[in-house]
Amino acid sequence: MRVRVSVPAKHAKSIHGKLKGFFETVEVEDWEKGNLEMVGLIEPGNYKTIAELLKGDKKEKIEQIGLELLSLKVISEGEVEIT
């Protein structure tokens, strides 16, 4: 799956490491004005985990976050063995 994640500057540095760990491939990592925007490939099972991470705990809810699904099916180019 290809997703785009947007995190405001207030929370970007604190969750960047955790967030990056869920990506197989990071295609874009943009730190414009301290805000973080990442686009990349994740395993479908990680989508819910990322969404929960971005929700934050009940004490401190992260405002103005974004998790956008860009593509469900992404095919990587590679070697194919036919027998």
N, C-alpha and C. Protein backbone atom coordinates (compact mmCIF):
# COMPACT_ATOMS: atom_id res chain seq x y z
N MET A 1 0.84 -1.17 0.00
CA MET A 1 0.00 0.00 0.00
C MET A 1 0.89 1.24 0.00
N ARG A 2 0.44 2.25 -0.71
CA ARG A 2 1.15 3.54 -0.68
C ARG A 2 0.30 4.51 0.13
N VAL A 3 0.93 5.14 1.13
CA VAL A 3 0.21 6.08 2.00
C VAL A 3 0.98 7.39 2.12
N ARG A 4 0.23 8.43 2.50
CA ARG A 4 0.82 9.73 2.84
C ARG A 4 0.44 10.04 4.28
N VAL A 5 1.43 10.40 5.08
CA VAL A 5 1.20 10.74 6.48
C VAL A 5 1.66 12.18 6.70
N SER A 6 0.80 12.99 7.31
CA SER A 6 1.14 14.38 7.64
C SER A 6 1.01 14.57 9.14
N VAL A 7 2.06 15.14 9.74
CA VAL A 7 2.08 15.35 11.19
C VAL A 7 2.52 16.79 11.46
N PRO A 8 1.79 17.51 12.32
CA PRO A 8 2.18 18.89 12.63
C PRO A 8 3.51 18.95 13.39
N ALA A 9 4.16 20.10 13.32
CA ALA A 9 5.49 20.28 13.90
C ALA A 9 5.55 19.91 15.38
N LYS A 10 4.50 20.18 16.11
CA LYS A 10 4.48 19.93 17.55
C LYS A 10 4.76 18.46 17.89
N HIS A 11 4.31 17.54 17.03
CA HIS A 11 4.44 16.11 17.32
C HIS A 11 5.39 15.38 16.36
N ALA A 12 5.85 16.05 15.32
CA ALA A 12 6.60 15.38 14.26
C ALA A 12 7.87 14.70 14.76
N LYS A 13 8.68 15.40 15.52
CA LYS A 13 9.95 14.82 15.98
C LYS A 13 9.74 13.66 16.94
N SER A 14 8.71 13.75 17.77
CA SER A 14 8.51 12.71 18.78
C SER A 14 8.05 11.38 18.19
N ILE A 15 7.31 11.40 17.08
CA ILE A 15 6.83 10.12 16.53
C ILE A 15 7.52 9.73 15.22
N HIS A 16 8.45 10.54 14.74
CA HIS A 16 9.11 10.26 13.46
C HIS A 16 9.76 8.89 13.43
N GLY A 17 10.54 8.55 14.46
CA GLY A 17 11.24 7.27 14.50
C GLY A 17 10.30 6.08 14.47
N LYS A 18 9.25 6.14 15.28
CA LYS A 18 8.27 5.05 15.31
C LYS A 18 7.58 4.92 13.97
N LEU A 19 7.19 6.06 13.43
CA LEU A 19 6.46 6.09 12.16
C LEU A 19 7.30 5.53 11.02
N LYS A 20 8.56 5.92 10.96
CA LYS A 20 9.45 5.48 9.89
C LYS A 20 9.65 3.96 9.93
N GLY A 21 9.58 3.38 11.12
CA GLY A 21 9.75 1.94 11.27
C GLY A 21 8.66 1.11 10.60
N PHE A 22 7.51 1.70 10.35
CA PHE A 22 6.40 0.98 9.71
C PHE A 22 6.50 0.99 8.19
N PHE A 23 7.35 1.82 7.63
CA PHE A 23 7.47 1.93 6.18
C PHE A 23 8.49 0.94 5.64
N GLU A 24 8.13 0.23 4.57
CA GLU A 24 9.09 -0.61 3.87
C GLU A 24 10.01 0.27 3.04
N THR A 25 9.43 1.25 2.37
CA THR A 25 10.16 2.19 1.53
C THR A 25 9.59 3.58 1.76
N VAL A 26 10.47 4.54 2.04
CA VAL A 26 10.04 5.94 2.17
C VAL A 26 10.39 6.64 0.87
N GLU A 27 9.37 7.09 0.15
CA GLU A 27 9.58 7.75 -1.14
C GLU A 27 9.78 9.25 -0.98
N VAL A 28 9.07 9.85 -0.03
CA VAL A 28 9.17 11.29 0.24
C VAL A 28 9.20 11.49 1.75
N GLU A 29 10.15 12.28 2.22
CA GLU A 29 10.20 12.67 3.62
C GLU A 29 10.47 14.17 3.63
N ASP A 30 9.44 14.96 3.89
CA ASP A 30 9.52 16.41 3.79
C ASP A 30 9.29 17.04 5.16
N TRP A 31 10.21 17.92 5.55
CA TRP A 31 10.13 18.62 6.84
C TRP A 31 9.86 20.10 6.61
N GLU A 32 8.81 20.46 5.91
CA GLU A 32 8.51 21.85 5.62
C GLU A 32 7.98 22.56 6.87
N LYS A 33 8.67 23.61 7.29
CA LYS A 33 8.30 24.42 8.46
C LYS A 33 8.13 23.57 9.71
N GLY A 34 8.89 22.50 9.82
CA GLY A 34 8.81 21.63 10.98
C GLY A 34 7.74 20.56 10.89
N ASN A 35 6.80 20.73 9.97
CA ASN A 35 5.76 19.72 9.76
C ASN A 35 6.35 18.56 8.98
N LEU A 36 5.93 17.38 9.29
CA LEU A 36 6.43 16.18 8.62
C LEU A 36 5.41 15.63 7.65
N GLU A 37 5.85 15.35 6.44
CA GLU A 37 5.02 14.65 5.46
C GLU A 37 5.85 13.50 4.91
N MET A 38 5.30 12.29 5.01
CA MET A 38 5.98 11.10 4.50
C MET A 38 5.05 10.39 3.53
N VAL A 39 5.64 9.94 2.42
CA VAL A 39 4.93 9.12 1.44
C VAL A 39 5.78 7.89 1.24
N GLY A 40 5.14 6.73 1.28
CA GLY A 40 5.90 5.51 1.08
C GLY A 40 5.02 4.28 1.08
N LEU A 41 5.71 3.15 1.03
CA LEU A 41 5.04 1.85 0.97
C LEU A 41 5.02 1.20 2.35
N ILE A 42 3.86 0.66 2.70
CA ILE A 42 3.71 -0.07 3.96
C ILE A 42 3.02 -1.40 3.69
N GLU A 43 3.16 -2.31 4.62
CA GLU A 43 2.38 -3.55 4.58
C GLU A 43 0.95 -3.21 4.99
N PRO A 44 -0.05 -3.81 4.37
CA PRO A 44 -1.44 -3.50 4.72
C PRO A 44 -1.76 -3.63 6.21
N GLY A 45 -1.14 -4.57 6.88
CA GLY A 45 -1.38 -4.76 8.31
C GLY A 45 -0.90 -3.60 9.17
N ASN A 46 0.01 -2.79 8.66
CA ASN A 46 0.53 -1.66 9.42
C ASN A 46 -0.37 -0.43 9.36
N TYR A 47 -1.35 -0.42 8.48
CA TYR A 47 -2.20 0.77 8.33
C TYR A 47 -2.92 1.09 9.64
N LYS A 48 -3.52 0.10 10.24
CA LYS A 48 -4.26 0.32 11.49
C LYS A 48 -3.32 0.75 12.61
N THR A 49 -2.14 0.16 12.67
CA THR A 49 -1.17 0.51 13.69
C THR A 49 -0.73 1.96 13.55
N ILE A 50 -0.50 2.40 12.31
CA ILE A 50 -0.12 3.79 12.07
C ILE A 50 -1.26 4.72 12.47
N ALA A 51 -2.49 4.35 12.12
CA ALA A 51 -3.64 5.17 12.48
C ALA A 51 -3.75 5.32 13.99
N GLU A 52 -3.53 4.24 14.73
CA GLU A 52 -3.60 4.30 16.19
C GLU A 52 -2.46 5.14 16.76
N LEU A 53 -1.27 5.04 16.18
CA LEU A 53 -0.14 5.86 16.61
C LEU A 53 -0.45 7.34 16.43
N LEU A 54 -1.05 7.67 15.31
CA LEU A 54 -1.36 9.07 15.02
C LEU A 54 -2.49 9.61 15.88
N LYS A 55 -3.38 8.74 16.34
CA LYS A 55 -4.44 9.19 17.24
C LYS A 55 -3.87 9.65 18.57
N GLY A 56 -2.75 9.06 18.96
CA GLY A 56 -2.14 9.40 20.24
C GLY A 56 -2.91 8.77 21.38
N ASP A 57 -2.40 9.00 22.58
CA ASP A 57 -3.13 8.47 23.73
C ASP A 57 -4.25 9.44 24.10
N LYS A 58 -5.08 9.03 25.01
CA LYS A 58 -6.26 9.84 25.36
C LYS A 58 -5.88 11.15 26.05
N LYS A 59 -4.72 11.18 26.69
CA LYS A 59 -4.29 12.39 27.40
C LYS A 59 -3.90 13.50 26.42
N GLU A 60 -3.28 13.11 25.32
CA GLU A 60 -2.79 14.11 24.37
C GLU A 60 -3.16 13.69 22.96
N LYS A 61 -4.23 14.22 22.45
CA LYS A 61 -4.69 13.89 21.11
C LYS A 61 -3.94 14.74 20.08
N ILE A 62 -3.45 14.12 19.05
CA ILE A 62 -2.72 14.84 18.01
C ILE A 62 -3.73 15.45 17.05
N GLU A 63 -3.70 16.76 16.92
CA GLU A 63 -4.62 17.49 16.05
C GLU A 63 -3.98 17.67 14.67
N GLN A 64 -4.78 17.83 13.67
CA GLN A 64 -4.36 18.15 12.31
C GLN A 64 -3.41 17.12 11.72
N ILE A 65 -3.64 15.87 12.02
CA ILE A 65 -2.83 14.82 11.42
C ILE A 65 -3.53 14.35 10.16
N GLY A 66 -2.78 13.67 9.32
CA GLY A 66 -3.39 13.13 8.12
C GLY A 66 -2.80 11.77 7.78
N LEU A 67 -3.66 10.85 7.45
CA LEU A 67 -3.26 9.53 6.96
C LEU A 67 -4.10 9.28 5.73
N GLU A 68 -3.45 9.31 4.58
CA GLU A 68 -4.17 9.21 3.31
C GLU A 68 -3.70 7.98 2.55
N LEU A 69 -4.64 7.18 2.11
CA LEU A 69 -4.35 6.01 1.31
C LEU A 69 -4.25 6.43 -0.15
N LEU A 70 -3.08 6.26 -0.75
CA LEU A 70 -2.86 6.67 -2.13
C LEU A 70 -3.07 5.54 -3.12
N SER A 71 -2.69 4.32 -2.73
CA SER A 71 -2.83 3.18 -3.64
C SER A 71 -2.89 1.89 -2.83
N LEU A 72 -3.85 1.05 -3.15
CA LEU A 72 -3.95 -0.24 -2.46
C LEU A 72 -2.98 -1.26 -3.02
N LYS A 73 -2.85 -1.27 -4.32
CA LYS A 73 -2.03 -2.29 -4.96
C LYS A 73 -0.78 -1.64 -5.55
N VAL A 74 0.36 -2.03 -4.99
CA VAL A 74 1.63 -1.54 -5.50
C VAL A 74 2.47 -2.76 -5.84
N ILE A 75 2.92 -2.82 -7.07
CA ILE A 75 3.72 -3.94 -7.53
C ILE A 75 5.15 -3.47 -7.68
N SER A 76 6.06 -4.12 -6.97
CA SER A 76 7.47 -3.78 -7.06
C SER A 76 8.10 -4.52 -8.22
N GLU A 77 8.97 -3.82 -8.92
CA GLU A 77 9.69 -4.48 -10.00
C GLU A 77 10.78 -5.33 -9.37
N GLY A 78 10.99 -6.49 -9.93
CA GLY A 78 12.02 -7.37 -9.40
C GLY A 78 12.12 -8.61 -10.27
N GLU A 79 12.94 -9.52 -9.80
CA GLU A 79 13.13 -10.75 -10.55
C GLU A 79 11.96 -11.70 -10.31
N VAL A 80 11.54 -12.34 -11.37
CA VAL A 80 10.48 -13.33 -11.28
C VAL A 80 11.04 -14.64 -11.82
N GLU A 81 10.89 -15.68 -11.03
CA GLU A 81 11.39 -16.98 -11.45
C GLU A 81 10.23 -17.83 -11.94
N ILE A 82 10.33 -18.29 -13.17
CA ILE A 82 9.30 -19.13 -13.75
C ILE A 82 9.89 -20.53 -13.94
N THR A 83 9.21 -21.52 -13.36
CA THR A 83 9.74 -22.89 -13.49
C THR A 83 8.79 -23.77 -14.24
